[in-house]
Amino acid sequence: MTQERPAELEEHWLNEYAEVDTASAKVAQLEAAGYTLLGYFPLPERCWLDNYYRPLQARFDAFLDAQNHSAAARDIVAAEQREISLYERFSAYVSYGFYVAGRLHDA
């Protein structure tokens, strides 16, 4: 049985990235478009933390300084921090998948 994503996380994805969906829904979209799934793999958690979120956080202060701590810059950092917090709390419900698909042609 698959657990539903927490409401707070679901709301974030719908508001910020409406195209985000489950792997099964994305596969259904591929198939509806005439493609066949040949492979799929999700990125491991360390990719999000070590290669994306932590380096992003490390640059927040320099970004704010370069933008003179403007309201817009503070809003951007706050939004990114919210997303990072959501990931840290709900990483079991978040992944980034790569799909390999192809159209099979009639012989």
C-alpha atoms as a PDB file:
ATOM      1  CA  MET A   1       0.000   0.000   0.000  1.00  0.00           C
ATOM      2  CA  THR A   2       1.401   3.409  -0.994  1.00  0.00           C
ATOM      3  CA  GLN A   3       1.119   6.155   1.568  1.00  0.00           C
ATOM      4  CA  GLU A   4      -0.256   9.489   0.437  1.00  0.00           C
ATOM      5  CA  ARG A   5       2.032  12.463   0.469  1.00  0.00           C
ATOM      6  CA  PRO A   6       1.553  14.735   3.495  1.00  0.00           C
ATOM      7  CA  ALA A   7      -0.891  17.567   2.773  1.00  0.00           C
ATOM      8  CA  GLU A   8       1.729  20.256   3.422  1.00  0.00           C
ATOM      9  CA  LEU A   9       4.047  18.722   0.846  1.00  0.00           C
ATOM     10  CA  GLU A  10       1.245  18.139  -1.665  1.00  0.00           C
ATOM     11  CA  GLU A  11       0.160  21.779  -1.355  1.00  0.00           C
ATOM     12  CA  HIS A  12       3.716  22.974  -1.931  1.00  0.00           C
ATOM     13  CA  TRP A  13       4.109  20.912  -5.106  1.00  0.00           C
ATOM     14  CA  LEU A  14       0.745  22.016  -6.462  1.00  0.00           C
ATOM     15  CA  ASN A  15       1.514  25.684  -5.824  1.00  0.00           C
ATOM     16  CA  GLU A  16       5.145  25.737  -6.903  1.00  0.00           C
ATOM     17  CA  TYR A  17       5.530  22.932  -9.444  1.00  0.00           C
ATOM     18  CA  ALA A  18       2.142  21.839 -10.744  1.00  0.00           C
ATOM     19  CA  GLU A  19       3.738  19.376 -13.186  1.00  0.00           C
ATOM     20  CA  VAL A  20       5.241  17.318 -10.336  1.00  0.00           C
ATOM     21  CA  ASP A  21       3.454  14.005  -9.946  1.00  0.00           C
ATOM     22  CA  THR A  22       4.000  10.421  -8.935  1.00  0.00           C
ATOM     23  CA  ALA A  23       6.117   8.085 -11.043  1.00  0.00           C
ATOM     24  CA  SER A  24       3.060   6.017 -11.949  1.00  0.00           C
ATOM     25  CA  ALA A  25       1.212   9.115 -13.179  1.00  0.00           C
ATOM     26  CA  LYS A  26       4.215  10.168 -15.272  1.00  0.00           C
ATOM     27  CA  VAL A  27       4.468   6.691 -16.796  1.00  0.00           C
ATOM     28  CA  ALA A  28       0.762   6.888 -17.660  1.00  0.00           C
ATOM     29  CA  GLN A  29       1.422  10.229 -19.405  1.00  0.00           C
ATOM     30  CA  LEU A  30       4.243   8.673 -21.424  1.00  0.00           C
ATOM     31  CA  GLU A  31       2.054   5.754 -22.437  1.00  0.00           C
ATOM     32  CA  ALA A  32      -0.861   8.034 -23.334  1.00  0.00           C
ATOM     33  CA  ALA A  33       1.521   9.915 -25.635  1.00  0.00           C
ATOM     34  CA  GLY A  34       2.458   6.679 -27.397  1.00  0.00           C
ATOM     35  CA  TYR A  35       5.713   5.904 -25.602  1.00  0.00           C
ATOM     36  CA  THR A  36       6.839   2.705 -23.919  1.00  0.00           C
ATOM     37  CA  LEU A  37       8.781   2.896 -20.688  1.00  0.00           C
ATOM     38  CA  LEU A  38      12.198   1.300 -21.159  1.00  0.00           C
ATOM     39  CA  GLY A  39      13.668   2.247 -17.798  1.00  0.00           C
ATOM     40  CA  TYR A  40      13.266   4.409 -14.740  1.00  0.00           C
ATOM     41  CA  PHE A  41      15.491   5.331 -11.809  1.00  0.00           C
ATOM     42  CA  PRO A  42      15.148   7.840  -8.980  1.00  0.00           C
ATOM     43  CA  LEU A  43      18.066   9.905  -7.722  1.00  0.00           C
ATOM     44  CA  PRO A  44      19.244   8.890  -4.259  1.00  0.00           C
ATOM     45  CA  GLU A  45      18.654  11.233  -1.305  1.00  0.00           C
ATOM     46  CA  ARG A  46      22.314  12.302  -1.199  1.00  0.00           C
ATOM     47  CA  CYS A  47      21.902  13.918  -4.618  1.00  0.00           C
ATOM     48  CA  TRP A  48      19.294  16.274  -3.229  1.00  0.00           C
ATOM     49  CA  LEU A  49      21.158  17.077  -0.033  1.00  0.00           C
ATOM     50  CA  ASP A  50      24.842  16.901  -0.939  1.00  0.00           C
ATOM     51  CA  ASN A  51      24.652  18.130  -4.517  1.00  0.00           C
ATOM     52  CA  TYR A  52      21.735  20.545  -4.511  1.00  0.00           C
ATOM     53  CA  TYR A  53      20.278  21.803  -1.237  1.00  0.00           C
ATOM     54  CA  ARG A  54      23.471  22.123   0.858  1.00  0.00           C
ATOM     55  CA  PRO A  55      25.445  23.982  -1.853  1.00  0.00           C
ATOM     56  CA  LEU A  56      22.410  26.216  -2.422  1.00  0.00           C
ATOM     57  CA  GLN A  57      22.202  27.018   1.294  1.00  0.00           C
ATOM     58  CA  ALA A  58      25.926  27.761   1.403  1.00  0.00           C
ATOM     59  CA  ARG A  59      25.409  30.548  -1.150  1.00  0.00           C
ATOM     60  CA  PHE A  60      22.428  32.248   0.507  1.00  0.00           C
ATOM     61  CA  ASP A  61      24.485  34.789   2.472  1.00  0.00           C
ATOM     62  CA  ALA A  62      26.547  35.810  -0.557  1.00  0.00           C
ATOM     63  CA  PHE A  63      23.385  36.091  -2.651  1.00  0.00           C
ATOM     64  CA  LEU A  64      21.707  38.273  -0.030  1.00  0.00           C
ATOM     65  CA  ASP A  65      24.814  40.458   0.251  1.00  0.00           C
ATOM     66  CA  ALA A  66      25.007  40.847  -3.538  1.00  0.00           C
ATOM     67  CA  GLN A  67      21.344  41.853  -3.602  1.00  0.00           C
ATOM     68  CA  ASN A  68      21.729  44.280  -0.672  1.00  0.00           C
ATOM     69  CA  HIS A  69      19.352  42.102   1.349  1.00  0.00           C
ATOM     70  CA  SER A  70      16.452  43.357  -0.760  1.00  0.00           C
ATOM     71  CA  ALA A  71      12.940  42.170   0.044  1.00  0.00           C
ATOM     72  CA  ALA A  72      12.853  40.198  -3.213  1.00  0.00           C
ATOM     73  CA  ALA A  73      16.133  38.439  -2.375  1.00  0.00           C
ATOM     74  CA  ARG A  74      14.953  37.632   1.145  1.00  0.00           C
ATOM     75  CA  ASP A  75      11.721  36.216  -0.308  1.00  0.00           C
ATOM     76  CA  ILE A  76      13.684  33.972  -2.679  1.00  0.00           C
ATOM     77  CA  VAL A  77      15.870  32.644   0.133  1.00  0.00           C
ATOM     78  CA  ALA A  78      12.848  32.113   2.390  1.00  0.00           C
ATOM     79  CA  ALA A  79      11.058  30.162  -0.355  1.00  0.00           C
ATOM     80  CA  GLU A  80      14.116  27.969  -0.927  1.00  0.00           C
ATOM     81  CA  GLN A  81      14.503  27.412   2.813  1.00  0.00           C
ATOM     82  CA  ARG A  82      10.841  26.338   3.021  1.00  0.00           C
ATOM     83  CA  GLU A  83      11.384  23.803   0.241  1.00  0.00           C
ATOM     84  CA  ILE A  84      14.540  22.492   1.912  1.00  0.00           C
ATOM     85  CA  SER A  85      12.676  22.138   5.193  1.00  0.00           C
ATOM     86  CA  LEU A  86       9.908  20.216   3.453  1.00  0.00           C
ATOM     87  CA  TYR A  87      12.481  17.904   1.903  1.00  0.00           C
ATOM     88  CA  GLU A  88      14.218  17.333   5.217  1.00  0.00           C
ATOM     89  CA  ARG A  89      10.928  16.426   6.893  1.00  0.00           C
ATOM     90  CA  PHE A  90       9.319  14.479   4.047  1.00  0.00           C
ATOM     91  CA  SER A  91      12.177  13.033   1.985  1.00  0.00           C
ATOM     92  CA  ALA A  92      10.448   9.639   1.975  1.00  0.00           C
ATOM     93  CA  TYR A  93       7.815  11.199  -0.311  1.00  0.00           C
ATOM     94  CA  VAL A  94      10.147  13.080  -2.645  1.00  0.00           C
ATOM     95  CA  SER A  95      12.375  11.838  -5.431  1.00  0.00           C
ATOM     96  CA  TYR A  96      13.473  12.956  -8.829  1.00  0.00           C
ATOM     97  CA  GLY A  97      13.007  10.276 -11.409  1.00  0.00           C
ATOM     98  CA  PHE A  98      14.587   9.781 -14.795  1.00  0.00           C
ATOM     99  CA  TYR A  99      12.526   8.041 -17.419  1.00  0.00           C
ATOM    100  CA  VAL A 100      13.876   6.324 -20.504  1.00  0.00           C
ATOM    101  CA  ALA A 101      11.135   5.847 -23.053  1.00  0.00           C
ATOM    102  CA  GLY A 102      10.781   5.204 -26.731  1.00  0.00           C
ATOM    103  CA  ARG A 103       8.199   4.896 -29.428  1.00  0.00           C
ATOM    104  CA  LEU A 104       7.884   1.433 -30.783  1.00  0.00           C
ATOM    105  CA  HIS A 105       7.266   1.528 -34.512  1.00  0.00           C
ATOM    106  CA  ASP A 106       5.169  -1.013 -36.377  1.00  0.00           C
ATOM    107  CA  ALA A 107       7.320  -3.388 -38.358  1.00  0.00           C
END
